All heavy atoms as atom14 arrays in JSON, in Angstrom:
{
  "sequence": "YWYRQAPGKQRELVALMLSGGSTNYADSVKGR",
  "atom14_mask": [
    [1, 1, 1, 1, 1, 1, 1, 1, 1, 1, 1, 1, 0, 0],
    [1, 1, 1, 1, 1, 1, 1, 1, 1, 1, 1, 1, 1, 1],
    [1, 1, 1, 1, 1, 1, 1, 1, 1, 1, 1, 1, 0, 0],
    [1, 1, 1, 1, 1, 1, 1, 1, 1, 1, 1, 0, 0, 0],
    [1, 1, 1, 1, 1, 1, 1, 1, 1, 0, 0, 0, 0, 0],
    [1, 1, 1, 1, 1, 0, 0, 0, 0, 0, 0, 0, 0, 0],
    [1, 1, 1, 1, 1, 1, 1, 0, 0, 0, 0, 0, 0, 0],
    [1, 1, 1, 1, 0, 0, 0, 0, 0, 0, 0, 0, 0, 0],
    [1, 1, 1, 1, 1, 1, 1, 1, 1, 0, 0, 0, 0, 0],
    [1, 1, 1, 1, 1, 1, 1, 1, 1, 0, 0, 0, 0, 0],
    [1, 1, 1, 1, 1, 1, 1, 1, 1, 1, 1, 0, 0, 0],
    [1, 1, 1, 1, 1, 1, 1, 1, 1, 0, 0, 0, 0, 0],
    [1, 1, 1, 1, 1, 1, 1, 1, 0, 0, 0, 0, 0, 0],
    [1, 1, 1, 1, 1, 1, 1, 0, 0, 0, 0, 0, 0, 0],
    [1, 1, 1, 1, 1, 0, 0, 0, 0, 0, 0, 0, 0, 0],
    [1, 1, 1, 1, 1, 1, 1, 1, 0, 0, 0, 0, 0, 0],
    [1, 1, 1, 1, 1, 1, 1, 1, 0, 0, 0, 0, 0, 0],
    [1, 1, 1, 1, 1, 1, 1, 1, 0, 0, 0, 0, 0, 0],
    [1, 1, 1, 1, 1, 1, 0, 0, 0, 0, 0, 0, 0, 0],
    [1, 1, 1, 1, 0, 0, 0, 0, 0, 0, 0, 0, 0, 0],
    [1, 1, 1, 1, 0, 0, 0, 0, 0, 0, 0, 0, 0, 0],
    [1, 1, 1, 1, 1, 1, 0, 0, 0, 0, 0, 0, 0, 0],
    [1, 1, 1, 1, 1, 1, 1, 0, 0, 0, 0, 0, 0, 0],
    [1, 1, 1, 1, 1, 1, 1, 1, 0, 0, 0, 0, 0, 0],
    [1, 1, 1, 1, 1, 1, 1, 1, 1, 1, 1, 1, 0, 0],
    [1, 1, 1, 1, 1, 0, 0, 0, 0, 0, 0, 0, 0, 0],
    [1, 1, 1, 1, 1, 1, 1, 1, 0, 0, 0, 0, 0, 0],
    [1, 1, 1, 1, 1, 1, 0, 0, 0, 0, 0, 0, 0, 0],
    [1, 1, 1, 1, 1, 1, 1, 0, 0, 0, 0, 0, 0, 0],
    [1, 1, 1, 1, 1, 1, 1, 1, 1, 0, 0, 0, 0, 0],
    [1, 1, 1, 1, 0, 0, 0, 0, 0, 0, 0, 0, 0, 0],
    [1, 1, 1, 1, 1, 1, 1, 1, 1, 1, 1, 0, 0, 0]
  ],
  "atom14_positions": [
    [[-3.75, 6.41, 3.17], [-2.95, 5.56, 2.32], [-1.51, 5.5, 2.84], [-1.0, 6.48, 3.38], [-2.91, 6.11, 0.88], [-4.26, 6.3, 0.26], [-5.06, 7.39, 0.57], [-4.76, 5.39, -0.67], [-6.31, 7.57, 0.01], [-6.0, 5.55, -1.25], [-6.77, 6.64, -0.91], [-8.01, 6.81, -1.46], [0.0, 0.0, 0.0], [0.0, 0.0, 0.0]],
    [[-0.89, 4.36, 2.63], [0.55, 4.21, 2.85], [1.2, 3.9, 1.51], [0.83, 2.93, 0.83], [0.84, 3.1, 3.84], [0.55, 3.44, 5.26], [-0.57, 3.12, 5.97], [1.39, 4.16, 6.16], [-0.48, 3.6, 7.24], [0.72, 4.24, 7.39], [2.66, 4.75, 6.05], [1.26, 4.89, 8.5], [3.19, 5.39, 7.14], [2.5, 5.46, 8.35]],
    [[2.18, 4.72, 1.15], [2.99, 4.49, -0.04], [4.43, 4.22, 0.42], [4.81, 4.52, 1.54], [3.01, 5.74, -0.93], [1.77, 5.97, -1.75], [0.64, 6.55, -1.2], [1.74, 5.61, -3.1], [-0.51, 6.77, -1.96], [0.6, 5.84, -3.88], [-0.51, 6.41, -3.3], [-1.63, 6.63, -4.06], [0.0, 0.0, 0.0], [0.0, 0.0, 0.0]],
    [[5.21, 3.68, -0.5], [6.63, 3.54, -0.23], [7.41, 3.78, -1.52], [6.89, 3.58, -2.61], [6.98, 2.17, 0.35], [6.8, 0.99, -0.6], [7.06, -0.31, 0.14], [6.91, -1.47, -0.74], [6.94, -2.74, -0.33], [7.12, -3.0, 0.97], [6.8, -3.72, -1.18], [0.0, 0.0, 0.0], [0.0, 0.0, 0.0], [0.0, 0.0, 0.0]],
    [[8.65, 4.19, -1.33], [9.52, 4.41, -2.48], [10.91, 3.91, -2.14], [11.55, 4.42, -1.2], [9.57, 5.88, -2.88], [10.31, 6.12, -4.18], [10.06, 7.5, -4.74], [9.65, 8.42, -4.04], [10.3, 7.65, -6.04], [0.0, 0.0, 0.0], [0.0, 0.0, 0.0], [0.0, 0.0, 0.0], [0.0, 0.0, 0.0], [0.0, 0.0, 0.0]],
    [[11.34, 2.92, -2.88], [12.68, 2.38, -2.73], [13.62, 3.13, -3.66], [13.19, 3.69, -4.67], [12.68, 0.89, -3.04], [0.0, 0.0, 0.0], [0.0, 0.0, 0.0], [0.0, 0.0, 0.0], [0.0, 0.0, 0.0], [0.0, 0.0, 0.0], [0.0, 0.0, 0.0], [0.0, 0.0, 0.0], [0.0, 0.0, 0.0], [0.0, 0.0, 0.0]],
    [[14.91, 3.12, -3.35], [15.87, 3.82, -4.21], [15.8, 3.34, -5.65], [15.82, 2.13, -5.91], [17.23, 3.47, -3.57], [16.91, 3.18, -2.15], [15.56, 2.54, -2.16], [0.0, 0.0, 0.0], [0.0, 0.0, 0.0], [0.0, 0.0, 0.0], [0.0, 0.0, 0.0], [0.0, 0.0, 0.0], [0.0, 0.0, 0.0], [0.0, 0.0, 0.0]],
    [[15.69, 4.27, -6.56], [15.67, 3.94, -7.97], [14.36, 3.37, -8.48], [14.28, 2.96, -9.64], [0.0, 0.0, 0.0], [0.0, 0.0, 0.0], [0.0, 0.0, 0.0], [0.0, 0.0, 0.0], [0.0, 0.0, 0.0], [0.0, 0.0, 0.0], [0.0, 0.0, 0.0], [0.0, 0.0, 0.0], [0.0, 0.0, 0.0], [0.0, 0.0, 0.0]],
    [[13.36, 3.36, -7.63], [12.06, 2.8, -8.02], [10.97, 3.84, -7.89], [11.11, 4.83, -7.17], [11.73, 1.57, -7.18], [12.67, 0.4, -7.39], [12.16, -0.84, -6.68], [13.06, -2.03, -6.94], [12.57, -3.26, -6.26], [0.0, 0.0, 0.0], [0.0, 0.0, 0.0], [0.0, 0.0, 0.0], [0.0, 0.0, 0.0], [0.0, 0.0, 0.0]],
    [[9.87, 3.57, -8.57], [8.72, 4.46, -8.46], [8.01, 4.26, -7.13], [8.07, 3.18, -6.53], [7.75, 4.21, -9.63], [8.27, 4.65, -10.98], [7.2, 4.55, -12.06], [6.33, 3.7, -11.99], [7.27, 5.43, -13.04], [0.0, 0.0, 0.0], [0.0, 0.0, 0.0], [0.0, 0.0, 0.0], [0.0, 0.0, 0.0], [0.0, 0.0, 0.0]],
    [[7.34, 5.31, -6.71], [6.54, 5.21, -5.5], [5.38, 4.25, -5.75], [4.75, 4.29, -6.8], [6.01, 6.59, -5.11], [5.39, 6.67, -3.75], [5.14, 8.12, -3.36], [6.39, 8.87, -3.22], [6.43, 10.12, -2.77], [5.31, 10.75, -2.43], [7.59, 10.74, -2.67], [0.0, 0.0, 0.0], [0.0, 0.0, 0.0], [0.0, 0.0, 0.0]],
    [[5.12, 3.37, -4.79], [4.05, 2.4, -4.95], [3.11, 2.44, -3.76], [3.51, 2.7, -2.61], [4.61, 0.98, -5.12], [5.35, 0.44, -3.92], [5.67, -1.04, -4.04], [4.99, -1.75, -4.8], [6.61, -1.48, -3.34], [0.0, 0.0, 0.0], [0.0, 0.0, 0.0], [0.0, 0.0, 0.0], [0.0, 0.0, 0.0], [0.0, 0.0, 0.0]],
    [[1.86, 2.15, -4.03], [0.84, 2.09, -2.99], [0.97, 0.76, -2.26], [0.99, -0.3, -2.88], [-0.55, 2.22, -3.6], [-1.74, 2.1, -2.65], [-1.71, 3.22, -1.62], [-3.04, 2.15, -3.44], [0.0, 0.0, 0.0], [0.0, 0.0, 0.0], [0.0, 0.0, 0.0], [0.0, 0.0, 0.0], [0.0, 0.0, 0.0], [0.0, 0.0, 0.0]],
    [[1.05, 0.83, -0.95], [1.24, -0.36, -0.14], [-0.08, -0.8, 0.5], [-0.43, -1.98, 0.48], [2.28, -0.09, 0.97], [2.39, -1.28, 1.91], [3.63, 0.24, 0.35], [0.0, 0.0, 0.0], [0.0, 0.0, 0.0], [0.0, 0.0, 0.0], [0.0, 0.0, 0.0], [0.0, 0.0, 0.0], [0.0, 0.0, 0.0], [0.0, 0.0, 0.0]],
    [[-0.8, 0.16, 1.07], [-2.03, -0.17, 1.78], [-2.93, 1.04, 1.84], [-2.45, 2.18, 1.76], [-1.72, -0.65, 3.2], [0.0, 0.0, 0.0], [0.0, 0.0, 0.0], [0.0, 0.0, 0.0], [0.0, 0.0, 0.0], [0.0, 0.0, 0.0], [0.0, 0.0, 0.0], [0.0, 0.0, 0.0], [0.0, 0.0, 0.0], [0.0, 0.0, 0.0]],
    [[-4.21, 0.79, 1.96], [-5.15, 1.89, 2.08], [-6.31, 1.51, 2.97], [-6.63, 0.32, 3.13], [-5.66, 2.33, 0.71], [-6.49, 1.33, -0.11], [-7.99, 1.47, 0.22], [-6.28, 1.55, -1.59], [0.0, 0.0, 0.0], [0.0, 0.0, 0.0], [0.0, 0.0, 0.0], [0.0, 0.0, 0.0], [0.0, 0.0, 0.0], [0.0, 0.0, 0.0]],
    [[-6.88, 2.54, 3.56], [-8.12, 2.36, 4.31], [-9.05, 3.5, 3.92], [-8.7, 4.68, 4.07], [-7.88, 2.38, 5.82], [-9.18, 2.3, 6.62], [-8.93, 2.24, 8.41], [-8.48, 0.53, 8.64], [0.0, 0.0, 0.0], [0.0, 0.0, 0.0], [0.0, 0.0, 0.0], [0.0, 0.0, 0.0], [0.0, 0.0, 0.0], [0.0, 0.0, 0.0]],
    [[-10.22, 3.15, 3.42], [-11.19, 4.15, 3.01], [-12.06, 4.55, 4.19], [-12.04, 3.91, 5.25], [-12.03, 3.62, 1.86], [-11.23, 3.26, 0.59], [-12.15, 2.73, -0.49], [-10.43, 4.44, 0.1], [0.0, 0.0, 0.0], [0.0, 0.0, 0.0], [0.0, 0.0, 0.0], [0.0, 0.0, 0.0], [0.0, 0.0, 0.0], [0.0, 0.0, 0.0]],
    [[-12.86, 5.58, 3.99], [-13.63, 6.14, 5.09], [-14.59, 5.14, 5.7], [-14.9, 5.21, 6.88], [-14.39, 7.38, 4.63], [-15.24, 7.05, 3.55], [0.0, 0.0, 0.0], [0.0, 0.0, 0.0], [0.0, 0.0, 0.0], [0.0, 0.0, 0.0], [0.0, 0.0, 0.0], [0.0, 0.0, 0.0], [0.0, 0.0, 0.0], [0.0, 0.0, 0.0]],
    [[-15.05, 4.18, 4.92], [-15.97, 3.18, 5.44], [-15.29, 2.07, 6.21], [-15.96, 1.2, 6.78], [0.0, 0.0, 0.0], [0.0, 0.0, 0.0], [0.0, 0.0, 0.0], [0.0, 0.0, 0.0], [0.0, 0.0, 0.0], [0.0, 0.0, 0.0], [0.0, 0.0, 0.0], [0.0, 0.0, 0.0], [0.0, 0.0, 0.0], [0.0, 0.0, 0.0]],
    [[-13.97, 2.09, 6.22], [-13.22, 1.08, 6.95], [-12.66, -0.03, 6.07], [-11.92, -0.88, 6.56], [0.0, 0.0, 0.0], [0.0, 0.0, 0.0], [0.0, 0.0, 0.0], [0.0, 0.0, 0.0], [0.0, 0.0, 0.0], [0.0, 0.0, 0.0], [0.0, 0.0, 0.0], [0.0, 0.0, 0.0], [0.0, 0.0, 0.0], [0.0, 0.0, 0.0]],
    [[-13.02, -0.03, 4.81], [-12.49, -1.07, 3.93], [-11.01, -0.85, 3.7], [-10.53, 0.28, 3.66], [-13.25, -1.1, 2.61], [-13.1, 0.12, 1.93], [0.0, 0.0, 0.0], [0.0, 0.0, 0.0], [0.0, 0.0, 0.0], [0.0, 0.0, 0.0], [0.0, 0.0, 0.0], [0.0, 0.0, 0.0], [0.0, 0.0, 0.0], [0.0, 0.0, 0.0]],
    [[-10.29, -1.94, 3.55], [-8.85, -1.88, 3.36], [-8.45, -2.65, 2.1], [-9.19, -3.52, 1.61], [-8.11, -2.48, 4.56], [-8.53, -3.84, 4.73], [-8.41, -1.7, 5.84], [0.0, 0.0, 0.0], [0.0, 0.0, 0.0], [0.0, 0.0, 0.0], [0.0, 0.0, 0.0], [0.0, 0.0, 0.0], [0.0, 0.0, 0.0], [0.0, 0.0, 0.0]],
    [[-7.28, -2.34, 1.62], [-6.73, -3.07, 0.5], [-5.22, -2.98, 0.58], [-4.68, -2.02, 1.17], [-7.22, -2.51, -0.84], [-7.22, -3.57, -1.92], [-6.71, -4.67, -1.74], [-7.81, -3.24, -3.07], [0.0, 0.0, 0.0], [0.0, 0.0, 0.0], [0.0, 0.0, 0.0], [0.0, 0.0, 0.0], [0.0, 0.0, 0.0], [0.0, 0.0, 0.0]],
    [[-4.56, -3.97, 0.01], [-3.11, -4.07, 0.13], [-2.49, -4.45, -1.21], [-3.1, -5.14, -2.03], [-2.74, -5.14, 1.16], [-3.28, -4.86, 2.55], [-4.54, -5.32, 2.92], [-2.55, -4.12, 3.46], [-5.05, -5.05, 4.18], [-3.05, -3.84, 4.72], [-4.3, -4.32, 5.07], [-4.8, -4.04, 6.32], [0.0, 0.0, 0.0], [0.0, 0.0, 0.0]],
    [[-1.26, -4.03, -1.39], [-0.49, -4.49, -2.53], [-0.26, -5.99, -2.37], [-0.11, -6.5, -1.25], [0.84, -3.76, -2.6], [0.0, 0.0, 0.0], [0.0, 0.0, 0.0], [0.0, 0.0, 0.0], [0.0, 0.0, 0.0], [0.0, 0.0, 0.0], [0.0, 0.0, 0.0], [0.0, 0.0, 0.0], [0.0, 0.0, 0.0], [0.0, 0.0, 0.0]],
    [[-0.21, -6.69, -3.49], [0.0, -8.14, -3.43], [1.28, -8.49, -2.68], [1.34, -9.52, -1.99], [0.05, -8.71, -4.84], [-1.3, -8.73, -5.52], [-2.33, -8.63, -4.81], [-1.34, -8.84, -6.76], [0.0, 0.0, 0.0], [0.0, 0.0, 0.0], [0.0, 0.0, 0.0], [0.0, 0.0, 0.0], [0.0, 0.0, 0.0], [0.0, 0.0, 0.0]],
    [[2.28, -7.65, -2.81], [3.58, -7.95, -2.22], [3.57, -7.91, -0.69], [4.49, -8.43, -0.05], [4.63, -6.96, -2.74], [4.24, -5.63, -2.44], [0.0, 0.0, 0.0], [0.0, 0.0, 0.0], [0.0, 0.0, 0.0], [0.0, 0.0, 0.0], [0.0, 0.0, 0.0], [0.0, 0.0, 0.0], [0.0, 0.0, 0.0], [0.0, 0.0, 0.0]],
    [[2.52, -7.31, -0.09], [2.49, -7.21, 1.37], [1.28, -7.89, 1.98], [1.15, -7.92, 3.22], [2.54, -5.73, 1.83], [3.73, -5.01, 1.2], [1.25, -5.0, 1.52], [0.0, 0.0, 0.0], [0.0, 0.0, 0.0], [0.0, 0.0, 0.0], [0.0, 0.0, 0.0], [0.0, 0.0, 0.0], [0.0, 0.0, 0.0], [0.0, 0.0, 0.0]],
    [[0.4, -8.42, 1.18], [-0.8, -9.07, 1.71], [-0.43, -10.19, 2.66], [0.46, -10.99, 2.39], [-1.65, -9.62, 0.56], [-2.54, -8.6, -0.09], [-3.39, -9.22, -1.2], [-4.24, -8.16, -1.87], [-5.02, -8.71, -3.0], [0.0, 0.0, 0.0], [0.0, 0.0, 0.0], [0.0, 0.0, 0.0], [0.0, 0.0, 0.0], [0.0, 0.0, 0.0]],
    [[-1.12, -10.22, 3.78], [-0.85, -11.24, 4.78], [0.27, -10.88, 5.73], [0.47, -11.55, 6.75], [0.0, 0.0, 0.0], [0.0, 0.0, 0.0], [0.0, 0.0, 0.0], [0.0, 0.0, 0.0], [0.0, 0.0, 0.0], [0.0, 0.0, 0.0], [0.0, 0.0, 0.0], [0.0, 0.0, 0.0], [0.0, 0.0, 0.0], [0.0, 0.0, 0.0]],
    [[1.01, -9.81, 5.42], [2.12, -9.4, 6.28], [1.89, -8.02, 6.89], [2.32, -7.76, 8.01], [3.43, -9.39, 5.48], [3.81, -10.72, 4.87], [5.22, -10.69, 4.28], [5.33, -9.74, 3.17], [6.18, -8.72, 3.14], [6.99, -8.51, 4.16], [6.25, -7.92, 2.09], [0.0, 0.0, 0.0], [0.0, 0.0, 0.0], [0.0, 0.0, 0.0]]
  ]
}
């Protein structure tokens, strides 16, 4: 998993890859 935390904000999940290879992304970064 990749998380990020901006100043003054909660940590958020950005992207993940599971053991089977499937991936998922936060809406804010999809396509980028």
